[in-house]
Amino acid sequence: MPFNAYEFAAEIDRTNSLAHQANFEMRVMIPPALLQDPDLNAQMTALGIDAQKGRDLSVRIDSMEFPGRSITNTPYRDYGLVRNIAFESNMIPITSSVLLSSNFRERMFFNLWQDMIVGNYRFKSIGEFNTASKQFNIGYFNDYAAQVDIIQYDQGGHKTYECKLIDAYPQLVAPLSASWAADDYHRMNVTWVYRYFEDKVHAPHGVSQRVEQRMGNWLSTSGIGAGLAVGAGVAAHKFSPKVQKLAAGGIAVASQIFGLFR
């Protein structure tokens, strides 16, 4: 069947437009243990970093990726051609870009987070803290793993999709390039790893209202609405209140399904 512009436009209108790449937000939940470490907390205070406000960081993330996954399989043959049998899922690391302040405090924040993972030896050589006992200590997973929320919005600022990275942490804080010939701002790439992700879809804003209106118009023009009302009144007294409640819920669900797939 050839491309039909009218069908395409109708489908886009039915689902309330397309997803825009710029309508996102990435919220980083700071690990509580980062605030409890006196050395790291002192560093954040000196830099003016408020770890309680993940919003401060989210407004500086100007690009990022939604998570993906791959399936690992192994070849298996019992007879005939080989079949690839899946046995494991792999979470694909994602990258975000962070706009840096003039003093690189966002970069320092992620370095401090990584210090919780592999030790705070960065301070040992310059003598800022007496951290010899912890300089190469590997941290506990539950101390440095955190949740990262990624949200997609529509053009009106309403949530349409949410994704949560579970047990995430910054695996890579990328090097920064500098050049006298450049006249751009510093952007730092951070690569995130995580155990798995959870996601859910929100109904586009306005779809529920259009479903109710469409269903109401159809019931009115077809005459079925009046028939349902009369039938419901005649039969209502024959059933228990519990059954009446279940029936009402079933009719509501059916109405939504009909409106969405008309």
Protein backbone atom coordinates (compact mmCIF):
# COMPACT_ATOMS: atom_id res chain seq x y z
CA MET A 1 0.00 0.00 0.00
CA PRO A 2 1.47 3.41 -0.94
CA PHE A 3 2.13 6.10 1.65
CA ASN A 4 -1.04 7.95 2.64
CA ALA A 5 -0.41 11.42 4.07
CA TYR A 6 -3.94 11.64 5.49
CA GLU A 7 -3.59 8.39 7.43
CA PHE A 8 -0.20 9.52 8.73
CA ALA A 9 -1.62 12.86 9.89
CA ALA A 10 -4.59 11.11 11.53
CA GLU A 11 -2.31 8.73 13.40
CA ILE A 12 -0.13 11.57 14.67
CA ASP A 13 -3.23 13.48 15.79
CA ARG A 14 -4.67 10.41 17.53
CA THR A 15 -1.54 10.02 19.68
CA ASN A 16 -1.18 13.77 20.26
CA SER A 17 1.90 14.69 18.20
CA LEU A 18 5.45 13.30 18.13
CA ALA A 19 8.14 13.08 20.80
CA HIS A 20 10.60 15.98 20.68
CA GLN A 21 14.23 15.24 21.53
CA ALA A 22 14.63 18.49 23.48
CA ASN A 23 11.75 17.81 25.91
CA PHE A 24 13.61 15.78 28.53
CA GLU A 25 14.91 16.00 32.06
CA MET A 26 17.52 13.83 33.80
CA ARG A 27 17.34 13.82 37.60
CA VAL A 28 20.32 12.40 39.49
CA MET A 29 19.57 11.15 43.00
CA ILE A 30 22.67 11.78 45.12
CA PRO A 31 23.82 8.73 47.15
CA PRO A 32 23.12 9.46 50.86
CA ALA A 33 26.55 8.04 51.78
CA LEU A 34 28.17 10.86 49.84
CA LEU A 35 26.84 13.32 52.41
CA GLN A 36 27.89 11.15 55.32
CA ASP A 37 31.58 11.01 54.39
CA PRO A 38 33.16 14.01 56.20
CA ASP A 39 36.02 14.49 53.72
CA LEU A 40 33.83 14.35 50.61
CA ASN A 41 31.12 16.46 52.21
CA ALA A 42 33.68 19.12 53.11
CA GLN A 43 34.84 19.22 49.50
CA MET A 44 31.29 19.71 48.23
CA THR A 45 30.64 22.47 50.73
CA ALA A 46 33.83 24.26 49.68
CA LEU A 47 32.71 24.11 46.05
CA GLY A 48 29.21 25.36 46.84
CA ILE A 49 27.58 22.09 45.78
CA ASP A 50 24.22 21.39 47.41
CA ALA A 51 23.92 17.64 47.14
CA GLN A 52 20.36 17.80 48.45
CA LYS A 53 19.24 19.51 45.24
CA GLY A 54 19.43 17.16 42.29
CA ARG A 55 17.66 19.89 40.32
CA ASP A 56 20.86 21.98 40.30
CA LEU A 57 22.56 19.31 38.23
CA SER A 58 19.61 18.35 36.03
CA VAL A 59 19.36 21.82 34.47
CA ARG A 60 22.99 21.51 33.31
CA ILE A 61 22.52 18.20 31.51
CA ASP A 62 21.99 19.40 27.95
CA SER A 63 21.99 16.01 26.22
CA MET A 64 21.66 12.39 27.24
CA GLU A 65 20.53 8.96 26.08
CA PHE A 66 17.58 6.82 27.01
CA PRO A 67 18.67 3.34 28.14
CA GLY A 68 18.67 0.26 25.98
CA ARG A 69 19.42 -3.41 26.44
CA SER A 70 20.66 -6.36 24.47
CA ILE A 71 20.04 -10.08 24.79
CA THR A 72 22.91 -12.54 25.03
CA ASN A 73 22.24 -15.91 23.47
CA THR A 74 24.02 -19.17 22.85
CA PRO A 75 23.70 -21.49 19.82
CA TYR A 76 21.83 -24.73 20.43
CA ARG A 77 21.17 -27.60 18.07
CA ASP A 78 19.09 -30.68 18.70
CA TYR A 79 18.19 -31.35 15.10
CA GLY A 80 18.42 -29.36 11.89
CA LEU A 81 19.47 -25.72 11.92
CA VAL A 82 20.96 -23.97 14.94
CA ARG A 83 18.67 -22.05 17.26
CA ASN A 84 19.96 -19.12 19.33
CA ILE A 85 18.68 -19.51 22.88
CA ALA A 86 18.56 -16.37 25.03
CA PHE A 87 19.96 -16.65 28.55
CA GLU A 88 20.89 -13.15 29.75
CA SER A 89 19.99 -9.49 29.34
CA ASN A 90 22.65 -6.79 29.18
CA MET A 91 22.06 -3.19 30.14
CA ILE A 92 23.75 -0.81 27.68
CA PRO A 93 25.61 2.09 29.35
CA ILE A 94 24.31 5.55 28.50
CA THR A 95 26.08 8.91 28.20
CA SER A 96 25.00 12.36 29.34
CA SER A 97 26.60 15.73 28.61
CA VAL A 98 27.00 18.26 31.41
CA LEU A 99 27.59 22.02 30.97
CA LEU A 100 30.39 23.01 33.36
CA SER A 101 30.68 26.03 35.61
CA SER A 102 33.79 28.20 35.38
CA ASN A 103 35.35 26.43 38.37
CA PHE A 104 34.48 22.90 37.09
CA ARG A 105 32.45 22.18 40.21
CA GLU A 106 30.20 19.70 38.36
CA ARG A 107 33.29 17.79 37.29
CA MET A 108 34.54 17.80 40.87
CA PHE A 109 31.18 16.46 42.04
CA PHE A 110 31.41 13.42 39.76
CA ASN A 111 35.03 12.90 40.75
CA LEU A 112 33.94 12.90 44.40
CA TRP A 113 31.27 10.33 43.58
CA GLN A 114 33.90 8.13 41.96
CA ASP A 115 36.13 8.61 45.03
CA MET A 116 33.49 6.69 46.96
CA ILE A 117 33.97 3.81 44.53
CA VAL A 118 37.74 3.54 44.09
CA GLY A 119 39.20 5.60 46.95
CA ASN A 120 39.99 9.29 47.45
CA TYR A 121 43.69 9.13 46.57
CA ARG A 122 43.28 12.33 44.51
CA PHE A 123 43.72 14.37 47.70
CA LYS A 124 46.65 12.44 49.13
CA SER A 125 49.35 13.94 46.93
CA ILE A 126 48.34 17.55 47.58
CA GLY A 127 47.83 17.03 51.30
CA GLU A 128 44.31 18.47 51.48
CA PHE A 129 43.09 15.75 53.83
CA ASN A 130 44.65 13.10 55.96
CA THR A 131 43.09 10.26 53.98
CA ALA A 132 45.95 7.77 53.85
CA SER A 133 43.78 5.08 55.39
CA LYS A 134 41.14 5.41 52.67
CA GLN A 135 43.05 6.43 49.60
CA PHE A 136 42.72 3.12 47.75
CA ASN A 137 39.76 1.55 49.53
CA ILE A 138 37.04 0.15 47.27
CA GLY A 139 33.60 1.31 48.35
CA TYR A 140 30.51 -0.73 49.11
CA PHE A 141 28.07 -1.01 46.22
CA ASN A 142 25.06 0.12 48.27
CA ASP A 143 26.94 3.29 49.27
CA TYR A 144 27.67 4.60 45.78
CA ALA A 145 24.80 3.17 43.69
CA ALA A 146 21.86 5.55 43.22
CA GLN A 147 18.74 6.09 41.16
CA VAL A 148 18.60 8.26 38.04
CA ASP A 149 15.23 9.41 36.68
CA ILE A 150 14.76 10.30 33.01
CA ILE A 151 11.53 12.03 31.99
CA GLN A 152 10.12 12.86 28.57
CA TYR A 153 7.63 15.74 28.23
CA ASP A 154 5.27 16.85 25.51
CA GLN A 155 5.20 20.38 24.09
CA GLY A 156 2.88 21.48 26.89
CA GLY A 157 5.26 20.32 29.64
CA HIS A 158 3.25 17.22 30.59
CA LYS A 159 4.97 13.91 31.34
CA THR A 160 4.61 11.32 28.60
CA TYR A 161 7.30 8.78 29.56
CA GLU A 162 9.37 8.01 32.65
CA CYS A 163 12.41 5.80 33.04
CA LYS A 164 14.33 4.93 36.20
CA LEU A 165 17.91 3.65 36.19
CA ILE A 166 18.26 1.36 39.18
CA ASP A 167 21.60 1.15 41.04
CA ALA A 168 23.33 3.59 38.70
CA TYR A 169 26.69 5.30 39.10
CA PRO A 170 29.14 7.26 36.90
CA GLN A 171 31.53 4.75 35.37
CA LEU A 172 33.35 7.23 33.15
CA VAL A 173 34.06 10.93 33.65
CA ALA A 174 35.45 11.80 30.23
CA PRO A 175 38.54 13.95 29.58
CA LEU A 176 37.98 17.55 28.48
CA SER A 177 39.44 19.11 25.36
CA ALA A 178 40.75 22.68 25.35
CA SER A 179 42.03 24.81 22.49
CA TRP A 180 42.93 28.47 21.95
CA ALA A 181 41.18 28.22 18.59
CA ALA A 182 37.87 27.20 20.20
CA ASP A 183 35.17 29.58 21.44
CA ASP A 184 32.71 27.14 22.97
CA TYR A 185 31.67 26.11 26.47
CA HIS A 186 33.05 23.06 28.22
CA ARG A 187 30.76 20.06 28.09
CA MET A 188 31.72 16.95 30.03
CA ASN A 189 30.49 13.49 29.07
CA VAL A 190 29.52 11.11 31.86
CA THR A 191 28.89 7.43 31.14
CA TRP A 192 26.41 5.69 33.42
CA VAL A 193 26.14 1.99 34.23
CA TYR A 194 23.18 0.48 36.07
CA ARG A 195 21.71 -2.90 37.06
CA TYR A 196 18.45 -2.48 35.14
CA PHE A 197 15.82 0.09 34.28
CA GLU A 198 12.11 0.50 34.87
CA ASP A 199 9.87 2.55 32.60
CA LYS A 200 6.25 3.50 32.11
CA VAL A 201 4.20 5.48 29.60
CA HIS A 202 1.80 8.29 30.45
CA ALA A 203 -1.22 8.90 28.24
CA PRO A 204 -0.53 12.00 26.14
CA HIS A 205 -2.25 15.05 27.59
CA GLY A 206 -5.69 15.47 26.03
CA VAL A 207 -6.16 11.84 24.90
CA SER A 208 -8.41 10.90 27.83
CA GLN A 209 -10.64 13.90 27.19
CA ARG A 210 -10.91 13.03 23.48
CA VAL A 211 -11.80 9.42 24.38
CA GLU A 212 -14.64 10.52 26.63
CA GLN A 213 -15.94 12.97 24.05
CA ARG A 214 -15.72 10.47 21.19
CA MET A 215 -17.43 7.73 23.17
CA GLY A 216 -20.17 10.10 24.33
CA ASN A 217 -20.83 11.31 20.79
CA TRP A 218 -21.01 7.76 19.45
CA LEU A 219 -23.40 6.59 22.16
CA SER A 220 -25.61 9.61 21.56
CA THR A 221 -25.77 9.36 17.75
CA SER A 222 -26.18 5.58 17.69
CA GLY A 223 -28.97 5.48 20.30
CA ILE A 224 -27.16 2.78 22.20
CA GLY A 225 -26.59 5.15 25.12
CA ALA A 226 -30.29 5.45 25.77
CA GLY A 227 -30.71 1.69 25.49
CA LEU A 228 -27.91 1.06 27.96
CA ALA A 229 -29.43 3.53 30.42
CA VAL A 230 -32.86 1.89 30.25
CA GLY A 231 -31.45 -1.62 30.45
CA ALA A 232 -29.25 -0.72 33.37
CA GLY A 233 -32.19 0.78 35.25
CA VAL A 234 -34.36 -2.30 34.75
CA ALA A 235 -31.66 -4.79 35.69
CA ALA A 236 -29.85 -2.90 38.46
CA HIS A 237 -32.16 -4.03 41.27
CA LYS A 238 -31.60 -7.70 40.37
CA PHE A 239 -27.90 -7.69 41.35
CA SER A 240 -25.98 -7.10 44.54
CA PRO A 241 -24.12 -3.78 45.05
CA LYS A 242 -20.79 -5.57 44.52
CA VAL A 243 -21.86 -6.94 41.14
CA GLN A 244 -23.24 -3.53 40.13
CA LYS A 245 -19.89 -1.93 40.95
CA LEU A 246 -17.95 -4.49 38.89
CA ALA A 247 -20.29 -4.02 35.93
CA ALA A 248 -19.87 -0.25 36.04
CA GLY A 249 -16.09 -0.64 36.02
CA GLY A 250 -16.25 -3.00 33.04
CA ILE A 251 -18.33 -0.54 31.04
CA ALA A 252 -15.85 2.26 31.79
CA VAL A 253 -12.89 0.17 30.62
CA ALA A 254 -14.71 -0.88 27.47
CA SER A 255 -15.54 2.75 26.73
CA GLN A 256 -11.87 3.74 26.94
CA ILE A 257 -10.74 0.87 24.74
CA PHE A 258 -13.35 1.68 22.12
CA GLY A 259 -12.34 5.33 22.03
CA LEU A 260 -8.62 4.62 21.78
CA PHE A 261 -8.84 2.15 18.92
CA ARG A 262 -11.59 3.68 16.79
